[in-house]
């Protein structure tokens, strides 16, 4: 996962090994399910808004599919993910990314 150098900034960009539709299923499924502190709304295809009831979290997430990486016979998906925060406290951003990394981590371990 490639990140921009300042994860506390208002705009954070990741490059992830997901297909866009797969990313949306995780975001709208387990990540923001009924036990989650987050509520996800789809604004357009591959564009979502996240809110956290009782907190001032303003977050827009957009994804764009890039050409796959080819490693021998394997094609690995590449997804540009852009997080744009509105008036959101840095502590809420860090809390969001902590949960995000728990749900979207692939491989390893």
N, C-alpha and C. Protein backbone atom coordinates (compact mmCIF):
# COMPACT_ATOMS: atom_id res chain seq x y z
N UNK A 1 0.85 -1.17 0.00
CA UNK A 1 0.00 0.00 0.00
C UNK A 1 0.90 1.23 0.00
N UNK A 2 0.78 2.05 -1.00
CA UNK A 2 1.57 3.27 -1.11
C UNK A 2 0.75 4.42 -0.54
N UNK A 3 1.32 5.20 0.34
CA UNK A 3 0.59 6.32 0.92
C UNK A 3 1.32 7.61 0.62
N UNK A 4 0.59 8.72 0.75
CA UNK A 4 1.26 10.01 0.63
C UNK A 4 2.04 10.26 1.92
N UNK A 5 3.00 11.18 1.93
CA UNK A 5 3.89 11.33 3.08
C UNK A 5 3.23 11.89 4.34
N UNK A 6 2.07 12.53 4.26
CA UNK A 6 1.47 13.15 5.44
C UNK A 6 0.05 12.64 5.65
N UNK A 7 -0.13 11.53 6.41
CA UNK A 7 -1.46 10.98 6.60
C UNK A 7 -2.39 11.87 7.42
N UNK A 8 -1.86 12.94 8.04
CA UNK A 8 -2.70 13.87 8.79
C UNK A 8 -3.25 14.99 7.91
N UNK A 9 -2.91 15.00 6.63
CA UNK A 9 -3.38 16.06 5.74
C UNK A 9 -4.85 15.86 5.39
N UNK A 10 -5.46 16.88 4.81
CA UNK A 10 -6.88 16.83 4.45
C UNK A 10 -7.15 15.87 3.30
N UNK A 11 -6.13 15.60 2.48
CA UNK A 11 -6.27 14.66 1.36
C UNK A 11 -5.19 13.58 1.52
N UNK A 12 -5.64 12.32 1.53
CA UNK A 12 -4.73 11.19 1.66
C UNK A 12 -4.96 10.29 0.46
N UNK A 13 -3.89 9.85 -0.19
CA UNK A 13 -4.01 8.98 -1.36
C UNK A 13 -3.27 7.68 -1.11
N UNK A 14 -3.94 6.58 -1.44
CA UNK A 14 -3.36 5.25 -1.33
C UNK A 14 -3.43 4.57 -2.68
N UNK A 15 -2.51 3.66 -2.90
CA UNK A 15 -2.56 2.74 -4.02
C UNK A 15 -2.71 1.36 -3.39
N UNK A 16 -3.80 0.67 -3.73
CA UNK A 16 -4.11 -0.59 -3.06
C UNK A 16 -4.32 -1.72 -4.05
N UNK A 17 -4.15 -2.93 -3.58
CA UNK A 17 -4.33 -4.12 -4.40
C UNK A 17 -5.76 -4.62 -4.35
N UNK A 18 -6.69 -3.79 -4.78
CA UNK A 18 -8.12 -4.13 -4.79
C UNK A 18 -8.70 -3.78 -6.16
N UNK A 19 -9.77 -4.47 -6.52
CA UNK A 19 -10.61 -4.04 -7.62
C UNK A 19 -11.60 -3.04 -7.04
N UNK A 20 -12.07 -2.09 -7.83
CA UNK A 20 -12.95 -1.03 -7.33
C UNK A 20 -14.24 -1.60 -6.73
N UNK A 21 -14.85 -2.56 -7.38
CA UNK A 21 -16.09 -3.13 -6.85
C UNK A 21 -15.85 -3.91 -5.57
N UNK A 22 -14.73 -4.61 -5.49
CA UNK A 22 -14.37 -5.35 -4.27
C UNK A 22 -14.17 -4.38 -3.10
N UNK A 23 -13.51 -3.26 -3.36
CA UNK A 23 -13.30 -2.24 -2.34
C UNK A 23 -14.65 -1.73 -1.83
N UNK A 24 -15.56 -1.45 -2.75
CA UNK A 24 -16.88 -0.95 -2.37
C UNK A 24 -17.66 -1.95 -1.52
N UNK A 25 -17.53 -3.23 -1.82
CA UNK A 25 -18.23 -4.26 -1.04
C UNK A 25 -17.71 -4.31 0.39
N UNK A 26 -16.41 -4.19 0.58
CA UNK A 26 -15.86 -4.19 1.94
C UNK A 26 -16.25 -2.91 2.66
N UNK A 27 -16.15 -1.77 1.98
CA UNK A 27 -16.50 -0.49 2.59
C UNK A 27 -17.96 -0.46 3.03
N UNK A 28 -18.86 -0.92 2.17
CA UNK A 28 -20.30 -0.90 2.47
C UNK A 28 -20.74 -2.11 3.29
N UNK A 29 -19.88 -3.09 3.42
CA UNK A 29 -20.24 -4.30 4.16
C UNK A 29 -19.69 -4.26 5.57
N UNK A 30 -18.70 -5.08 5.84
CA UNK A 30 -18.20 -5.20 7.20
C UNK A 30 -17.64 -3.90 7.79
N UNK A 31 -17.02 -3.07 6.96
CA UNK A 31 -16.39 -1.86 7.49
C UNK A 31 -17.40 -0.90 8.09
N UNK A 32 -18.54 -0.73 7.44
CA UNK A 32 -19.54 0.24 7.93
C UNK A 32 -20.85 -0.44 8.30
N UNK A 33 -20.78 -1.71 8.70
CA UNK A 33 -21.96 -2.47 9.09
C UNK A 33 -22.59 -1.95 10.37
N UNK A 34 -23.60 -2.67 10.84
CA UNK A 34 -24.38 -2.19 11.98
C UNK A 34 -23.58 -2.08 13.28
N UNK A 35 -22.48 -2.80 13.43
CA UNK A 35 -21.65 -2.69 14.62
C UNK A 35 -20.55 -1.65 14.48
N UNK A 36 -20.49 -1.00 13.34
CA UNK A 36 -19.46 -0.02 13.05
C UNK A 36 -19.87 1.38 13.53
N UNK A 37 -18.89 2.20 13.92
CA UNK A 37 -19.21 3.59 14.26
C UNK A 37 -19.43 4.46 13.01
N UNK A 38 -19.20 3.90 11.81
CA UNK A 38 -19.28 4.67 10.58
C UNK A 38 -20.54 4.34 9.78
N UNK A 39 -21.06 5.36 9.12
CA UNK A 39 -22.19 5.20 8.21
C UNK A 39 -21.72 5.60 6.82
N UNK A 40 -21.90 4.71 5.86
CA UNK A 40 -21.42 4.93 4.50
C UNK A 40 -22.60 5.19 3.57
N UNK A 41 -22.46 6.22 2.72
CA UNK A 41 -23.47 6.54 1.70
C UNK A 41 -22.79 6.59 0.35
N UNK A 42 -23.38 5.93 -0.63
CA UNK A 42 -22.82 5.96 -1.99
C UNK A 42 -23.31 7.22 -2.69
N UNK A 43 -22.37 8.05 -3.15
CA UNK A 43 -22.71 9.29 -3.85
C UNK A 43 -22.81 9.05 -5.36
N UNK A 44 -21.95 8.20 -5.85
CA UNK A 44 -21.90 7.81 -7.27
C UNK A 44 -21.12 6.51 -7.31
N UNK A 45 -21.04 5.91 -8.48
CA UNK A 45 -20.26 4.68 -8.57
C UNK A 45 -18.81 4.97 -8.19
N UNK A 46 -18.31 4.21 -7.23
CA UNK A 46 -16.93 4.32 -6.74
C UNK A 46 -16.64 5.65 -6.05
N UNK A 47 -17.69 6.24 -5.44
CA UNK A 47 -17.55 7.49 -4.68
C UNK A 47 -18.51 7.42 -3.50
N UNK A 48 -17.94 7.54 -2.28
CA UNK A 48 -18.74 7.40 -1.06
C UNK A 48 -18.48 8.54 -0.10
N UNK A 49 -19.45 8.73 0.79
CA UNK A 49 -19.32 9.67 1.89
C UNK A 49 -19.44 8.87 3.18
N UNK A 50 -18.57 9.17 4.14
CA UNK A 50 -18.63 8.51 5.44
C UNK A 50 -18.94 9.52 6.52
N UNK A 51 -19.78 9.11 7.44
CA UNK A 51 -20.11 9.93 8.60
C UNK A 51 -19.97 9.07 9.84
N UNK A 52 -19.80 9.73 10.97
CA UNK A 52 -19.73 9.04 12.25
C UNK A 52 -20.73 9.75 13.17
N UNK A 53 -21.90 9.14 13.39
CA UNK A 53 -22.90 9.77 14.24
C UNK A 53 -22.32 10.18 15.60
N UNK A 54 -22.59 11.42 16.00
CA UNK A 54 -22.08 11.93 17.27
C UNK A 54 -20.69 12.52 17.18
N UNK A 55 -20.09 12.49 16.01
CA UNK A 55 -18.75 13.06 15.82
C UNK A 55 -18.76 13.89 14.54
N UNK A 56 -17.83 14.80 14.44
CA UNK A 56 -17.76 15.68 13.26
C UNK A 56 -16.76 15.14 12.24
N UNK A 57 -17.10 13.97 11.70
CA UNK A 57 -16.27 13.36 10.66
C UNK A 57 -16.88 13.68 9.31
N UNK A 58 -16.12 14.36 8.47
CA UNK A 58 -16.52 14.65 7.09
C UNK A 58 -15.49 13.98 6.19
N UNK A 59 -15.93 12.97 5.44
CA UNK A 59 -14.98 12.20 4.63
C UNK A 59 -15.63 11.77 3.33
N UNK A 60 -14.93 12.01 2.24
CA UNK A 60 -15.32 11.54 0.92
C UNK A 60 -14.23 10.58 0.45
N UNK A 61 -14.66 9.45 -0.11
CA UNK A 61 -13.71 8.46 -0.63
C UNK A 61 -14.04 8.21 -2.09
N UNK A 62 -13.05 8.38 -2.96
CA UNK A 62 -13.19 8.09 -4.39
C UNK A 62 -12.11 7.10 -4.79
N UNK A 63 -12.48 6.16 -5.65
CA UNK A 63 -11.50 5.20 -6.14
C UNK A 63 -11.49 5.21 -7.67
N UNK A 64 -10.34 4.87 -8.23
CA UNK A 64 -10.17 4.77 -9.68
C UNK A 64 -9.30 3.55 -9.97
N UNK A 65 -9.80 2.67 -10.82
CA UNK A 65 -9.06 1.46 -11.19
C UNK A 65 -7.95 1.83 -12.15
N UNK A 66 -6.76 1.30 -11.90
CA UNK A 66 -5.62 1.49 -12.79
C UNK A 66 -5.32 0.16 -13.47
N UNK A 67 -4.48 0.15 -14.49
CA UNK A 67 -4.12 -1.13 -15.13
C UNK A 67 -3.46 -2.06 -14.11
N UNK A 68 -3.69 -3.36 -14.25
CA UNK A 68 -3.11 -4.30 -13.28
C UNK A 68 -1.59 -4.39 -13.40
N UNK A 69 -0.98 -4.79 -12.30
CA UNK A 69 0.45 -5.08 -12.32
C UNK A 69 0.61 -6.53 -12.76
N UNK A 70 1.54 -6.75 -13.65
CA UNK A 70 1.77 -8.11 -14.15
C UNK A 70 3.06 -8.63 -13.53
N UNK A 71 2.91 -9.75 -12.83
CA UNK A 71 4.06 -10.44 -12.23
C UNK A 71 4.05 -11.86 -12.76
N UNK A 72 4.80 -12.08 -13.82
CA UNK A 72 4.77 -13.39 -14.47
C UNK A 72 3.38 -13.65 -15.02
N UNK A 73 2.74 -14.73 -14.56
CA UNK A 73 1.39 -15.07 -15.01
C UNK A 73 0.30 -14.40 -14.19
N UNK A 74 0.69 -13.68 -13.14
CA UNK A 74 -0.30 -13.05 -12.25
C UNK A 74 -0.60 -11.62 -12.67
N UNK A 75 -1.87 -11.27 -12.60
CA UNK A 75 -2.30 -9.89 -12.77
C UNK A 75 -2.87 -9.42 -11.44
N UNK A 76 -2.23 -8.42 -10.84
CA UNK A 76 -2.67 -7.89 -9.56
C UNK A 76 -3.40 -6.58 -9.77
N UNK A 77 -4.60 -6.43 -9.17
CA UNK A 77 -5.34 -5.18 -9.35
C UNK A 77 -4.61 -4.02 -8.67
N UNK A 78 -4.78 -2.84 -9.23
CA UNK A 78 -4.22 -1.62 -8.66
C UNK A 78 -5.34 -0.59 -8.61
N UNK A 79 -5.56 -0.04 -7.41
CA UNK A 79 -6.64 0.89 -7.20
C UNK A 79 -6.11 2.16 -6.55
N UNK A 80 -6.38 3.31 -7.18
CA UNK A 80 -6.08 4.59 -6.55
C UNK A 80 -7.24 4.93 -5.63
N UNK A 81 -6.94 5.21 -4.36
CA UNK A 81 -7.97 5.55 -3.39
C UNK A 81 -7.65 6.94 -2.85
N UNK A 82 -8.62 7.83 -2.93
CA UNK A 82 -8.43 9.22 -2.47
C UNK A 82 -9.42 9.52 -1.36
N UNK A 83 -8.88 9.86 -0.19
CA UNK A 83 -9.67 10.24 0.98
C UNK A 83 -9.59 11.76 1.10
N UNK A 84 -10.74 12.42 1.12
CA UNK A 84 -10.77 13.87 1.28
C UNK A 84 -11.57 14.20 2.53
N UNK A 85 -10.89 14.77 3.52
CA UNK A 85 -11.52 15.13 4.78
C UNK A 85 -11.96 16.58 4.74
N UNK A 86 -13.15 16.83 5.27
CA UNK A 86 -13.62 18.20 5.49
C UNK A 86 -13.12 18.65 6.85
N UNK A 87 -13.94 19.39 7.55
CA UNK A 87 -13.59 19.88 8.90
C UNK A 87 -13.62 18.71 9.87
N UNK A 88 -12.52 17.97 9.92
CA UNK A 88 -12.44 16.77 10.76
C UNK A 88 -11.18 16.84 11.60
N UNK A 89 -11.33 16.64 12.89
CA UNK A 89 -10.23 16.64 13.84
C UNK A 89 -9.21 15.55 13.48
N UNK A 90 -7.93 15.83 13.69
CA UNK A 90 -6.87 14.88 13.38
C UNK A 90 -7.06 13.57 14.14
N UNK A 91 -7.52 13.64 15.37
CA UNK A 91 -7.74 12.41 16.16
C UNK A 91 -8.80 11.53 15.51
N UNK A 92 -9.86 12.11 14.95
CA UNK A 92 -10.88 11.33 14.24
C UNK A 92 -10.32 10.72 12.96
N UNK A 93 -9.44 11.44 12.28
CA UNK A 93 -8.79 10.90 11.08
C UNK A 93 -7.95 9.68 11.44
N UNK A 94 -7.17 9.79 12.50
CA UNK A 94 -6.32 8.68 12.92
C UNK A 94 -7.17 7.48 13.34
N UNK A 95 -8.27 7.75 14.04
CA UNK A 95 -9.18 6.67 14.46
C UNK A 95 -9.77 5.98 13.23
N UNK A 96 -10.16 6.76 12.23
CA UNK A 96 -10.69 6.20 10.99
C UNK A 96 -9.64 5.30 10.33
N UNK A 97 -8.42 5.79 10.15
CA UNK A 97 -7.39 5.01 9.46
C UNK A 97 -6.99 3.77 10.24
N UNK A 98 -7.05 3.82 11.54
CA UNK A 98 -6.77 2.62 12.33
C UNK A 98 -7.77 1.52 11.96
N UNK A 99 -9.06 1.84 11.95
CA UNK A 99 -10.09 0.86 11.58
C UNK A 99 -9.95 0.47 10.11
N UNK A 100 -9.69 1.44 9.25
CA UNK A 100 -9.57 1.17 7.81
C UNK A 100 -8.48 0.13 7.56
N UNK A 101 -7.31 0.31 8.17
CA UNK A 101 -6.21 -0.62 7.95
C UNK A 101 -6.53 -2.01 8.50
N UNK A 102 -7.30 -2.09 9.57
CA UNK A 102 -7.70 -3.39 10.10
C UNK A 102 -8.60 -4.14 9.11
N UNK A 103 -9.49 -3.44 8.44
CA UNK A 103 -10.44 -4.09 7.54
C UNK A 103 -9.91 -4.29 6.13
N UNK A 104 -9.00 -3.46 5.69
CA UNK A 104 -8.57 -3.53 4.29
C UNK A 104 -7.19 -4.13 4.10
N UNK A 105 -6.55 -4.56 5.17
CA UNK A 105 -5.24 -5.19 5.04
C UNK A 105 -5.40 -6.54 4.34
N UNK A 106 -4.55 -6.79 3.36
CA UNK A 106 -4.57 -8.08 2.64
C UNK A 106 -3.21 -8.74 2.75
N UNK A 107 -3.22 -10.03 2.81
CA UNK A 107 -1.97 -10.79 2.77
C UNK A 107 -1.19 -10.66 4.06
N UNK A 108 0.00 -11.16 4.02
CA UNK A 108 0.90 -11.07 5.18
C UNK A 108 0.38 -11.83 6.38
N UNK A 109 1.19 -11.88 7.41
CA UNK A 109 0.78 -12.45 8.70
C UNK A 109 0.46 -13.85 8.66
